[in-house]
């Protein structure tokens, strides 16, 4: 692993752009997360809980839930999205908190420091991060 940051221009084929070539601002992602958590985007009230639950038919836990990575189950459950080592958002559903970090620096890996940002709002998240 390198500690050097650098620019990277993606030349993605059209068939991957819906999953790998999305462009959005932090405000747009934050607005989407707020609408999602407020129940404005899904028709059934239990849909969000089901999207964020990673239990297989045999009862085993999985690290992916309906396309959402389950970053941590306890304490301070995290679901989120991570993109290309330079963008990430973590939703802490039980803490009513979400953090969005977007960069254009390959290798910045914001998922490594989002818990530190979140701990400014919920201090016990920093304790949970240190234990994992």
C-alpha atoms as a PDB file:
ATOM      1  CA  UNK A   1       0.000   0.000   0.000  1.00  0.00           C
ATOM      2  CA  UNK A   2       1.294   3.440  -0.881  1.00  0.00           C
ATOM      3  CA  UNK A   3       0.833   6.561   1.187  1.00  0.00           C
ATOM      4  CA  UNK A   4       1.074   8.774  -1.867  1.00  0.00           C
ATOM      5  CA  UNK A   5      -2.082  10.421  -3.166  1.00  0.00           C
ATOM      6  CA  UNK A   6      -2.684  11.102  -6.819  1.00  0.00           C
ATOM      7  CA  UNK A   7      -5.277  12.008  -9.416  1.00  0.00           C
ATOM      8  CA  UNK A   8      -6.990   9.299 -11.361  1.00  0.00           C
ATOM      9  CA  UNK A   9      -9.196   9.753 -14.384  1.00  0.00           C
ATOM     10  CA  UNK A  10     -11.588   6.887 -14.858  1.00  0.00           C
ATOM     11  CA  UNK A  11     -12.463   5.827 -18.359  1.00  0.00           C
ATOM     12  CA  UNK A  12     -15.365   3.546 -17.572  1.00  0.00           C
ATOM     13  CA  UNK A  13     -17.231   1.560 -20.214  1.00  0.00           C
ATOM     14  CA  UNK A  14     -20.900   2.593 -20.497  1.00  0.00           C
ATOM     15  CA  UNK A  15     -22.249  -0.667 -19.009  1.00  0.00           C
ATOM     16  CA  UNK A  16     -20.486   0.011 -15.663  1.00  0.00           C
ATOM     17  CA  UNK A  17     -21.405   3.669 -15.245  1.00  0.00           C
ATOM     18  CA  UNK A  18     -24.543   3.130 -13.178  1.00  0.00           C
ATOM     19  CA  UNK A  19     -22.507   1.400 -10.498  1.00  0.00           C
ATOM     20  CA  UNK A  20     -19.042   2.852 -10.963  1.00  0.00           C
ATOM     21  CA  UNK A  21     -19.347   6.199 -12.637  1.00  0.00           C
ATOM     22  CA  UNK A  22     -21.852   8.151 -10.573  1.00  0.00           C
ATOM     23  CA  UNK A  23     -21.108  11.816 -10.046  1.00  0.00           C
ATOM     24  CA  UNK A  24     -22.813  13.612  -7.170  1.00  0.00           C
ATOM     25  CA  UNK A  25     -22.048  16.309  -4.658  1.00  0.00           C
ATOM     26  CA  UNK A  26     -21.889  15.754  -0.904  1.00  0.00           C
ATOM     27  CA  UNK A  27     -25.091  17.821  -0.603  1.00  0.00           C
ATOM     28  CA  UNK A  28     -26.890  15.599  -3.130  1.00  0.00           C
ATOM     29  CA  UNK A  29     -25.824  12.432  -1.332  1.00  0.00           C
ATOM     30  CA  UNK A  30     -26.757  13.939   2.039  1.00  0.00           C
ATOM     31  CA  UNK A  31     -30.204  14.918   0.702  1.00  0.00           C
ATOM     32  CA  UNK A  32     -30.676  11.392  -0.636  1.00  0.00           C
ATOM     33  CA  UNK A  33     -29.695   9.857   2.727  1.00  0.00           C
ATOM     34  CA  UNK A  34     -32.089  12.186   4.589  1.00  0.00           C
ATOM     35  CA  UNK A  35     -34.953  11.314   2.232  1.00  0.00           C
ATOM     36  CA  UNK A  36     -34.119   7.608   2.507  1.00  0.00           C
ATOM     37  CA  UNK A  37     -34.114   7.649   6.307  1.00  0.00           C
ATOM     38  CA  UNK A  38     -37.289   9.758   6.404  1.00  0.00           C
ATOM     39  CA  UNK A  39     -39.141   7.072   4.450  1.00  0.00           C
ATOM     40  CA  UNK A  40     -39.674   9.241   1.364  1.00  0.00           C
ATOM     41  CA  UNK A  41     -38.015   6.908  -1.164  1.00  0.00           C
ATOM     42  CA  UNK A  42     -39.325   3.430  -0.357  1.00  0.00           C
ATOM     43  CA  UNK A  43     -42.957   2.380  -0.491  1.00  0.00           C
ATOM     44  CA  UNK A  44     -43.004  -0.068   2.427  1.00  0.00           C
ATOM     45  CA  UNK A  45     -42.086   1.078   5.949  1.00  0.00           C
ATOM     46  CA  UNK A  46     -39.945  -2.005   6.668  1.00  0.00           C
ATOM     47  CA  UNK A  47     -37.973  -1.784   3.385  1.00  0.00           C
ATOM     48  CA  UNK A  48     -35.079   0.197   4.829  1.00  0.00           C
ATOM     49  CA  UNK A  49     -34.629  -2.213   7.718  1.00  0.00           C
ATOM     50  CA  UNK A  50     -34.631  -5.107   5.245  1.00  0.00           C
ATOM     51  CA  UNK A  51     -32.096  -3.321   2.980  1.00  0.00           C
ATOM     52  CA  UNK A  52     -29.761  -2.881   5.929  1.00  0.00           C
ATOM     53  CA  UNK A  53     -30.053  -6.376   7.398  1.00  0.00           C
ATOM     54  CA  UNK A  54     -27.427  -8.882   6.375  1.00  0.00           C
ATOM     55  CA  UNK A  55     -28.792 -12.208   7.560  1.00  0.00           C
ATOM     56  CA  UNK A  56     -28.762 -15.094   5.111  1.00  0.00           C
ATOM     57  CA  UNK A  57     -31.534 -17.684   4.816  1.00  0.00           C
ATOM     58  CA  UNK A  58     -29.513 -20.096   6.959  1.00  0.00           C
ATOM     59  CA  UNK A  59     -29.206 -17.462   9.743  1.00  0.00           C
ATOM     60  CA  UNK A  60     -25.566 -16.565   9.119  1.00  0.00           C
ATOM     61  CA  UNK A  61     -24.558 -12.913   8.994  1.00  0.00           C
ATOM     62  CA  UNK A  62     -23.169 -11.469   5.790  1.00  0.00           C
ATOM     63  CA  UNK A  63     -21.099  -8.343   5.200  1.00  0.00           C
ATOM     64  CA  UNK A  64     -23.368  -7.252   2.338  1.00  0.00           C
ATOM     65  CA  UNK A  65     -27.066  -6.467   2.611  1.00  0.00           C
ATOM     66  CA  UNK A  66     -28.985  -5.878  -0.614  1.00  0.00           C
ATOM     67  CA  UNK A  67     -26.029  -4.023  -2.134  1.00  0.00           C
ATOM     68  CA  UNK A  68     -25.157  -2.134   1.049  1.00  0.00           C
ATOM     69  CA  UNK A  69     -21.870  -2.966   2.731  1.00  0.00           C
ATOM     70  CA  UNK A  70     -22.344  -3.604   6.444  1.00  0.00           C
ATOM     71  CA  UNK A  71     -19.276  -1.878   7.824  1.00  0.00           C
ATOM     72  CA  UNK A  72     -19.944  -2.674  11.472  1.00  0.00           C
ATOM     73  CA  UNK A  73     -22.801  -4.389  13.277  1.00  0.00           C
ATOM     74  CA  UNK A  74     -22.043  -3.391  16.875  1.00  0.00           C
ATOM     75  CA  UNK A  75     -21.505  -1.096  18.570  1.00  0.00           C
ATOM     76  CA  UNK A  76     -22.782   1.812  16.487  1.00  0.00           C
ATOM     77  CA  UNK A  77     -24.037  -0.081  13.459  1.00  0.00           C
ATOM     78  CA  UNK A  78     -22.789   1.281  10.132  1.00  0.00           C
ATOM     79  CA  UNK A  79     -24.120   0.777   6.627  1.00  0.00           C
ATOM     80  CA  UNK A  80     -22.638   2.718   3.801  1.00  0.00           C
ATOM     81  CA  UNK A  81     -21.076   3.072   0.460  1.00  0.00           C
ATOM     82  CA  UNK A  82     -17.425   3.145  -0.500  1.00  0.00           C
ATOM     83  CA  UNK A  83     -16.136   4.136  -3.902  1.00  0.00           C
ATOM     84  CA  UNK A  84     -12.758   3.752  -5.487  1.00  0.00           C
ATOM     85  CA  UNK A  85     -10.688   4.528  -2.412  1.00  0.00           C
ATOM     86  CA  UNK A  86     -11.607   8.199  -2.604  1.00  0.00           C
ATOM     87  CA  UNK A  87     -15.255   8.553  -1.581  1.00  0.00           C
ATOM     88  CA  UNK A  88     -17.416   7.061   1.134  1.00  0.00           C
ATOM     89  CA  UNK A  89     -20.492   7.643   3.195  1.00  0.00           C
ATOM     90  CA  UNK A  90     -21.365   5.939   6.445  1.00  0.00           C
ATOM     91  CA  UNK A  91     -24.868   5.880   7.870  1.00  0.00           C
ATOM     92  CA  UNK A  92     -25.164   5.207  11.588  1.00  0.00           C
ATOM     93  CA  UNK A  93     -28.882   4.293  11.654  1.00  0.00           C
ATOM     94  CA  UNK A  94     -29.108   3.820  15.415  1.00  0.00           C
ATOM     95  CA  UNK A  95     -27.405   7.169  16.077  1.00  0.00           C
ATOM     96  CA  UNK A  96     -29.395   9.215  13.515  1.00  0.00           C
ATOM     97  CA  UNK A  97     -26.129  10.277  11.899  1.00  0.00           C
ATOM     98  CA  UNK A  98     -24.543  10.084   8.467  1.00  0.00           C
ATOM     99  CA  UNK A  99     -21.139  11.289   7.270  1.00  0.00           C
ATOM    100  CA  UNK A 100     -20.300  11.871   3.595  1.00  0.00           C
ATOM    101  CA  UNK A 101     -16.701  12.355   2.443  1.00  0.00           C
ATOM    102  CA  UNK A 102     -15.948  12.874  -1.251  1.00  0.00           C
ATOM    103  CA  UNK A 103     -12.431  13.433  -2.576  1.00  0.00           C
ATOM    104  CA  UNK A 104     -10.687  13.154  -5.902  1.00  0.00           C
ATOM    105  CA  UNK A 105      -7.568  11.646  -4.364  1.00  0.00           C
ATOM    106  CA  UNK A 106      -6.978   7.987  -5.116  1.00  0.00           C
ATOM    107  CA  UNK A 107      -5.753   6.276  -1.982  1.00  0.00           C
ATOM    108  CA  UNK A 108      -7.308   8.717   0.463  1.00  0.00           C
ATOM    109  CA  UNK A 109      -9.608   5.910   1.690  1.00  0.00           C
ATOM    110  CA  UNK A 110     -12.058   8.085   3.647  1.00  0.00           C
ATOM    111  CA  UNK A 111     -13.685   4.987   5.135  1.00  0.00           C
ATOM    112  CA  UNK A 112     -10.609   4.798   7.384  1.00  0.00           C
ATOM    113  CA  UNK A 113     -11.326   8.157   9.043  1.00  0.00           C
ATOM    114  CA  UNK A 114     -15.102   8.636   8.873  1.00  0.00           C
ATOM    115  CA  UNK A 115     -15.525   7.257  12.420  1.00  0.00           C
ATOM    116  CA  UNK A 116     -13.240  10.070  13.645  1.00  0.00           C
ATOM    117  CA  UNK A 117     -15.488  12.665  12.009  1.00  0.00           C
ATOM    118  CA  UNK A 118     -18.608  10.964  13.396  1.00  0.00           C
ATOM    119  CA  UNK A 119     -17.145  10.981  16.905  1.00  0.00           C
ATOM    120  CA  UNK A 120     -17.333  14.788  16.927  1.00  0.00           C
ATOM    121  CA  UNK A 121     -21.129  14.348  16.936  1.00  0.00           C
ATOM    122  CA  UNK A 122     -21.428  11.076  18.878  1.00  0.00           C
ATOM    123  CA  UNK A 123     -18.264  10.698  21.003  1.00  0.00           C
ATOM    124  CA  UNK A 124     -18.833   7.015  21.765  1.00  0.00           C
ATOM    125  CA  UNK A 125     -18.398   6.214  18.039  1.00  0.00           C
ATOM    126  CA  UNK A 126     -14.704   7.019  18.443  1.00  0.00           C
ATOM    127  CA  UNK A 127     -14.479   4.544  21.304  1.00  0.00           C
ATOM    128  CA  UNK A 128     -16.185   1.861  19.190  1.00  0.00           C
ATOM    129  CA  UNK A 129     -13.803   2.552  16.286  1.00  0.00           C
ATOM    130  CA  UNK A 130     -10.768   2.208  18.548  1.00  0.00           C
ATOM    131  CA  UNK A 131     -11.996  -1.195  19.741  1.00  0.00           C
ATOM    132  CA  UNK A 132     -12.363  -2.569  16.191  1.00  0.00           C
END
